[in-house]
Amino acid sequence: MPMRFSPISLACLGLTVPAAAQETPAQPSFAGTGWQVQCNNDGTALACAVVQQIARSDNGAVVAAVSVRNPDGGTPQLTVQLPLGIRVSAPVSLTVDSGTPATFALDTCLQTGCFIATAAPDTLIAAMQAGTGLTLAFESVDRQPITLGIPLAGFALAYEKL
């Protein structure tokens, strides 16, 4: 599913759109990896997570990622990676379909992006398992709203495998 962004969104992602291209919407496209189960092995146990990354189609640069892990069947942990150039004091909301948004604060920004790492509310996980789309909403540094849609097809099946 190609992802589409406004010129303001593209500027937040460190991309520019020439004036001529703004008249004719020629924006880079974005593609998701689909929900995957990824595991790491430390030699004693597997640590697995359900991951979806959204990357630029032209160069493969990761623009955003969502990861859910369930350590030892305990409280699910949510990690969201967003691009640099966003307003760190503004909340980030995650909305499944047309449901109630779950709002989170950014924890940190590194060279690879800005991150949320928190316990995932059970209501959010249940909605993601039953839903069709997840919308991430945040602001650029110049306070312009940015939304990113992530398909949820395959999330429930992948999450069952954790």
C-alpha atoms as a PDB file:
ATOM      1  CA  MET A   1       0.000   0.000   0.000  1.00  0.00           C
ATOM      2  CA  PRO A   2       1.715   3.239  -1.098  1.00  0.00           C
ATOM      3  CA  MET A   3       1.915   5.905   1.589  1.00  0.00           C
ATOM      4  CA  ARG A   4       1.202   9.539   0.631  1.00  0.00           C
ATOM      5  CA  PHE A   5       2.379  12.646   2.474  1.00  0.00           C
ATOM      6  CA  SER A   6       1.718  16.355   2.039  1.00  0.00           C
ATOM      7  CA  PRO A   7       4.662  18.666   1.110  1.00  0.00           C
ATOM      8  CA  ILE A   8       4.750  19.807   4.758  1.00  0.00           C
ATOM      9  CA  SER A   9       4.968  16.187   5.897  1.00  0.00           C
ATOM     10  CA  LEU A  10       7.790  15.581   3.454  1.00  0.00           C
ATOM     11  CA  ALA A  11       9.706  18.564   4.837  1.00  0.00           C
ATOM     12  CA  CYS A  12       9.366  17.088   8.322  1.00  0.00           C
ATOM     13  CA  LEU A  13      10.860  13.854   7.026  1.00  0.00           C
ATOM     14  CA  GLY A  14      13.891  15.708   5.702  1.00  0.00           C
ATOM     15  CA  LEU A  15      12.675  15.671   2.126  1.00  0.00           C
ATOM     16  CA  THR A  16      12.063  18.597  -0.168  1.00  0.00           C
ATOM     17  CA  VAL A  17       9.664  18.998  -3.019  1.00  0.00           C
ATOM     18  CA  PRO A  18      10.710  21.453  -5.771  1.00  0.00           C
ATOM     19  CA  ALA A  19       8.219  24.212  -6.564  1.00  0.00           C
ATOM     20  CA  ALA A  20       7.381  22.637  -9.925  1.00  0.00           C
ATOM     21  CA  ALA A  21       6.704  19.314  -8.231  1.00  0.00           C
ATOM     22  CA  GLN A  22       4.384  20.990  -5.732  1.00  0.00           C
ATOM     23  CA  GLU A  23       2.168  22.073  -8.616  1.00  0.00           C
ATOM     24  CA  THR A  24       2.071  18.499  -9.894  1.00  0.00           C
ATOM     25  CA  PRO A  25       1.963  16.188  -6.876  1.00  0.00           C
ATOM     26  CA  ALA A  26       5.038  14.020  -7.484  1.00  0.00           C
ATOM     27  CA  GLN A  27       5.862  12.802  -4.014  1.00  0.00           C
ATOM     28  CA  PRO A  28       8.023   9.877  -3.048  1.00  0.00           C
ATOM     29  CA  SER A  29       6.071   6.777  -2.186  1.00  0.00           C
ATOM     30  CA  PHE A  30       6.392   4.772   0.974  1.00  0.00           C
ATOM     31  CA  ALA A  31       5.947   1.051   1.465  1.00  0.00           C
ATOM     32  CA  GLY A  32       5.423  -1.122   4.509  1.00  0.00           C
ATOM     33  CA  THR A  33       7.164  -4.389   5.220  1.00  0.00           C
ATOM     34  CA  GLY A  34       3.974  -6.046   6.417  1.00  0.00           C
ATOM     35  CA  TRP A  35       3.750  -7.297   9.977  1.00  0.00           C
ATOM     36  CA  GLN A  36       6.640  -9.632  10.705  1.00  0.00           C
ATOM     37  CA  VAL A  37       7.755 -11.587  13.748  1.00  0.00           C
ATOM     38  CA  GLN A  38      11.410 -10.779  14.406  1.00  0.00           C
ATOM     39  CA  CYS A  39      13.419 -12.581  17.089  1.00  0.00           C
ATOM     40  CA  ASN A  40      16.807 -12.014  18.693  1.00  0.00           C
ATOM     41  CA  ASN A  41      18.723 -14.758  20.447  1.00  0.00           C
ATOM     42  CA  ASP A  42      21.009 -13.872  23.358  1.00  0.00           C
ATOM     43  CA  GLY A  43      22.127 -17.479  23.780  1.00  0.00           C
ATOM     44  CA  THR A  44      19.671 -18.238  26.568  1.00  0.00           C
ATOM     45  CA  ALA A  45      16.272 -17.153  25.257  1.00  0.00           C
ATOM     46  CA  LEU A  46      14.511 -15.717  22.236  1.00  0.00           C
ATOM     47  CA  ALA A  47      13.166 -12.175  22.435  1.00  0.00           C
ATOM     48  CA  CYS A  48      10.520 -11.732  19.749  1.00  0.00           C
ATOM     49  CA  ALA A  49       8.436  -8.786  18.552  1.00  0.00           C
ATOM     50  CA  VAL A  50       5.831  -8.059  15.893  1.00  0.00           C
ATOM     51  CA  VAL A  51       7.253  -5.319  13.672  1.00  0.00           C
ATOM     52  CA  GLN A  52       6.026  -3.159  10.788  1.00  0.00           C
ATOM     53  CA  GLN A  53       8.389  -0.679   9.143  1.00  0.00           C
ATOM     54  CA  ILE A  54       7.447   2.048   6.682  1.00  0.00           C
ATOM     55  CA  ALA A  55      10.283   2.980   4.326  1.00  0.00           C
ATOM     56  CA  ARG A  56      10.819   5.186   1.317  1.00  0.00           C
ATOM     57  CA  SER A  57      10.363   3.130  -1.838  1.00  0.00           C
ATOM     58  CA  ASP A  58      13.211   4.866  -3.681  1.00  0.00           C
ATOM     59  CA  ASN A  59      16.027   4.356  -1.150  1.00  0.00           C
ATOM     60  CA  GLY A  60      14.711   2.040   1.583  1.00  0.00           C
ATOM     61  CA  ALA A  61      15.210   4.618   4.370  1.00  0.00           C
ATOM     62  CA  VAL A  62      12.974   3.776   7.335  1.00  0.00           C
ATOM     63  CA  VAL A  63      10.525   6.612   7.997  1.00  0.00           C
ATOM     64  CA  ALA A  64       8.552   4.995  10.828  1.00  0.00           C
ATOM     65  CA  ALA A  65       8.210   1.682  12.621  1.00  0.00           C
ATOM     66  CA  VAL A  66       5.849   0.091  15.127  1.00  0.00           C
ATOM     67  CA  SER A  67       6.880  -2.844  17.269  1.00  0.00           C
ATOM     68  CA  VAL A  68       4.964  -4.834  19.899  1.00  0.00           C
ATOM     69  CA  ARG A  69       6.591  -7.450  22.076  1.00  0.00           C
ATOM     70  CA  ASN A  70       5.135  -9.522  24.878  1.00  0.00           C
ATOM     71  CA  PRO A  71       7.951 -10.466  27.272  1.00  0.00           C
ATOM     72  CA  ASP A  72       7.208 -13.763  29.009  1.00  0.00           C
ATOM     73  CA  GLY A  73       3.484 -13.352  28.387  1.00  0.00           C
ATOM     74  CA  GLY A  74       3.435 -10.239  30.588  1.00  0.00           C
ATOM     75  CA  THR A  75       2.395  -6.716  29.684  1.00  0.00           C
ATOM     76  CA  PRO A  76       2.839  -6.032  25.963  1.00  0.00           C
ATOM     77  CA  GLN A  77       5.489  -3.401  25.218  1.00  0.00           C
ATOM     78  CA  LEU A  78       5.014  -0.893  22.407  1.00  0.00           C
ATOM     79  CA  THR A  79       7.844   0.854  20.573  1.00  0.00           C
ATOM     80  CA  VAL A  80       7.174   3.483  17.919  1.00  0.00           C
ATOM     81  CA  GLN A  81       9.918   5.037  15.792  1.00  0.00           C
ATOM     82  CA  LEU A  82       9.187   8.356  14.093  1.00  0.00           C
ATOM     83  CA  PRO A  83      11.408  10.558  11.924  1.00  0.00           C
ATOM     84  CA  LEU A  84      13.616  13.344  13.194  1.00  0.00           C
ATOM     85  CA  GLY A  85      12.297  16.860  12.689  1.00  0.00           C
ATOM     86  CA  ILE A  86       9.132  16.416  14.708  1.00  0.00           C
ATOM     87  CA  ARG A  87       7.905  18.467  17.651  1.00  0.00           C
ATOM     88  CA  VAL A  88       9.077  16.494  20.673  1.00  0.00           C
ATOM     89  CA  SER A  89       6.846  18.315  23.180  1.00  0.00           C
ATOM     90  CA  ALA A  90       3.654  17.413  21.277  1.00  0.00           C
ATOM     91  CA  PRO A  91       1.894  14.128  22.027  1.00  0.00           C
ATOM     92  CA  VAL A  92       1.783  11.316  19.487  1.00  0.00           C
ATOM     93  CA  SER A  93      -1.542   9.595  18.982  1.00  0.00           C
ATOM     94  CA  LEU A  94      -2.225   6.106  17.699  1.00  0.00           C
ATOM     95  CA  THR A  95      -5.739   5.469  16.413  1.00  0.00           C
ATOM     96  CA  VAL A  96      -7.102   2.173  15.140  1.00  0.00           C
ATOM     97  CA  ASP A  97      -9.707   2.675  12.423  1.00  0.00           C
ATOM     98  CA  SER A  98     -12.063   5.388  13.750  1.00  0.00           C
ATOM     99  CA  GLY A  99     -11.614   4.482  17.407  1.00  0.00           C
ATOM    100  CA  THR A 100     -10.463   6.522  20.378  1.00  0.00           C
ATOM    101  CA  PRO A 101      -6.850   7.715  20.040  1.00  0.00           C
ATOM    102  CA  ALA A 102      -4.237   6.440  22.496  1.00  0.00           C
ATOM    103  CA  THR A 103      -1.859   9.300  23.264  1.00  0.00           C
ATOM    104  CA  PHE A 104       1.813   8.943  24.171  1.00  0.00           C
ATOM    105  CA  ALA A 105       4.774  11.219  24.846  1.00  0.00           C
ATOM    106  CA  LEU A 106       8.071  10.767  23.018  1.00  0.00           C
ATOM    107  CA  ASP A 107      10.783   9.236  25.190  1.00  0.00           C
ATOM    108  CA  THR A 108      13.930  10.121  23.269  1.00  0.00           C
ATOM    109  CA  CYS A 109      15.394  11.043  19.905  1.00  0.00           C
ATOM    110  CA  LEU A 110      18.539   9.441  18.483  1.00  0.00           C
ATOM    111  CA  GLN A 111      20.261   9.656  15.097  1.00  0.00           C
ATOM    112  CA  THR A 112      17.795   7.112  13.709  1.00  0.00           C
ATOM    113  CA  GLY A 113      14.629   8.909  14.833  1.00  0.00           C
ATOM    114  CA  CYS A 114      12.404   9.717  17.790  1.00  0.00           C
ATOM    115  CA  PHE A 115      10.999   6.924  19.925  1.00  0.00           C
ATOM    116  CA  ILE A 116       8.124   5.982  22.195  1.00  0.00           C
ATOM    117  CA  ALA A 117       8.741   2.951  24.409  1.00  0.00           C
ATOM    118  CA  THR A 118       5.895   2.126  26.783  1.00  0.00           C
ATOM    119  CA  ALA A 119       3.493  -0.495  28.048  1.00  0.00           C
ATOM    120  CA  ALA A 120       0.828  -1.078  25.413  1.00  0.00           C
ATOM    121  CA  PRO A 121      -2.725  -0.700  26.716  1.00  0.00           C
ATOM    122  CA  ASP A 122      -4.748  -3.914  26.331  1.00  0.00           C
ATOM    123  CA  THR A 123      -7.449  -1.916  24.545  1.00  0.00           C
ATOM    124  CA  LEU A 124      -4.930  -0.786  21.900  1.00  0.00           C
ATOM    125  CA  ILE A 125      -3.638  -4.337  21.295  1.00  0.00           C
ATOM    126  CA  ALA A 126      -7.198  -5.700  21.035  1.00  0.00           C
ATOM    127  CA  ALA A 127      -8.148  -2.929  18.606  1.00  0.00           C
ATOM    128  CA  MET A 128      -5.026  -3.593  16.501  1.00  0.00           C
ATOM    129  CA  GLN A 129      -5.900  -7.300  16.332  1.00  0.00           C
ATOM    130  CA  ALA A 130      -9.436  -6.558  15.120  1.00  0.00           C
ATOM    131  CA  GLY A 131      -8.760  -3.400  13.097  1.00  0.00           C
ATOM    132  CA  THR A 132      -7.777  -2.652   9.530  1.00  0.00           C
ATOM    133  CA  GLY A 133      -5.626   0.470   9.897  1.00  0.00           C
ATOM    134  CA  LEU A 134      -3.443   2.230  12.460  1.00  0.00           C
ATOM    135  CA  THR A 135      -2.970   5.992  12.161  1.00  0.00           C
ATOM    136  CA  LEU A 136       0.016   7.697  13.758  1.00  0.00           C
ATOM    137  CA  ALA A 137      -0.519  11.427  14.268  1.00  0.00           C
ATOM    138  CA  PHE A 138       2.193  13.871  15.352  1.00  0.00           C
ATOM    139  CA  GLU A 139       3.437  17.393  14.593  1.00  0.00           C
ATOM    140  CA  SER A 140       6.352  18.802  12.632  1.00  0.00           C
ATOM    141  CA  VAL A 141       8.683  21.253  14.368  1.00  0.00           C
ATOM    142  CA  ASP A 142       6.664  24.078  12.810  1.00  0.00           C
ATOM    143  CA  ARG A 143       3.479  22.653  14.393  1.00  0.00           C
ATOM    144  CA  GLN A 144       1.997  21.225  11.198  1.00  0.00           C
ATOM    145  CA  PRO A 145      -0.020  18.019  11.697  1.00  0.00           C
ATOM    146  CA  ILE A 146       1.366  14.859  10.127  1.00  0.00           C
ATOM    147  CA  THR A 147      -0.484  11.566   9.846  1.00  0.00           C
ATOM    148  CA  LEU A 148       0.845   8.225   8.722  1.00  0.00           C
ATOM    149  CA  GLY A 149      -1.408   5.254   8.000  1.00  0.00           C
ATOM    150  CA  ILE A 150      -0.190   1.727   8.630  1.00  0.00           C
ATOM    151  CA  PRO A 151      -2.263  -1.261   7.497  1.00  0.00           C
ATOM    152  CA  LEU A 152      -3.041  -3.799  10.223  1.00  0.00           C
ATOM    153  CA  ALA A 153      -3.545  -6.755   7.865  1.00  0.00           C
ATOM    154  CA  GLY A 154      -1.501  -9.608   9.331  1.00  0.00           C
ATOM    155  CA  PHE A 155      -0.980  -8.044  12.769  1.00  0.00           C
ATOM    156  CA  ALA A 156      -3.334 -10.431  14.617  1.00  0.00           C
ATOM    157  CA  LEU A 157      -1.752 -13.530  13.067  1.00  0.00           C
ATOM    158  CA  ALA A 158       1.787 -12.309  13.780  1.00  0.00           C
ATOM    159  CA  TYR A 159       0.894 -11.298  17.358  1.00  0.00           C
ATOM    160  CA  GLU A 160      -0.506 -14.804  18.023  1.00  0.00           C
ATOM    161  CA  LYS A 161       2.961 -16.201  17.268  1.00  0.00           C
ATOM    162  CA  LEU A 162       4.624 -14.299  20.130  1.00  0.00           C
END
